Amino acid sequence: MIKRHWSWFCAVVISVLCLWGAIAPVATATDYNNRFLNGVDFAGQDLRDSSFKSADVRQSDFSHANLEGVTFFSANMDSVNLEGANLRFAALGSARLTRANLKNALLEGALAMGARFKGANIEGADFTDVLLRADIQAELCEQASGVNPTTGLATRDTLLCDYL
């Protein structure tokens, strides 16, 4: 009997705290697959584990967004703004990141096999443990510069440019 009342009491307290803003609600993953989202403002949003498979997000703003574990497989990300975004463990396979702004982005552990970065700004981006094709890695090393302000790691070092 006491257990049932305790559970009810806890649920009421948590609900009241959420309503007052004392506890932030947990972000839920959203399915944006195959959607046309050209120029949409996602800046600063928590989109963890969401999916943008084959979505058209050209010129969209994901700056400073939490994109940890997000799937952008085969997405058109031309001219997208990912400045300061958290892309840790994101799936970027076959994504088109041409002319994308990845300045100071965190890509640690991301899967980017087949992703294209032609003309992308990667200054200060952290590519630690990112799976890339060797030719794409060499292409990125040609322009790699800067140090990531969050991890303190040089972009060239995270791309293993000195070992190519």
Foldseek 3Di string as FASTA:
>chain_A
DVVVVVVVVVVVVVVVCCVVVVDPDDDDAEEQDQEEQDQAECDQEERELHEHDQYEHENYEPDLYEHDQYECALYEHDQYEHHNYEQDQYEQDLYECELYECALYEHANYEHENYAHHNYHNAQYAQANYDYDPVRLQVCLVRFAHHRPPPRHGNNVRSVVVVD
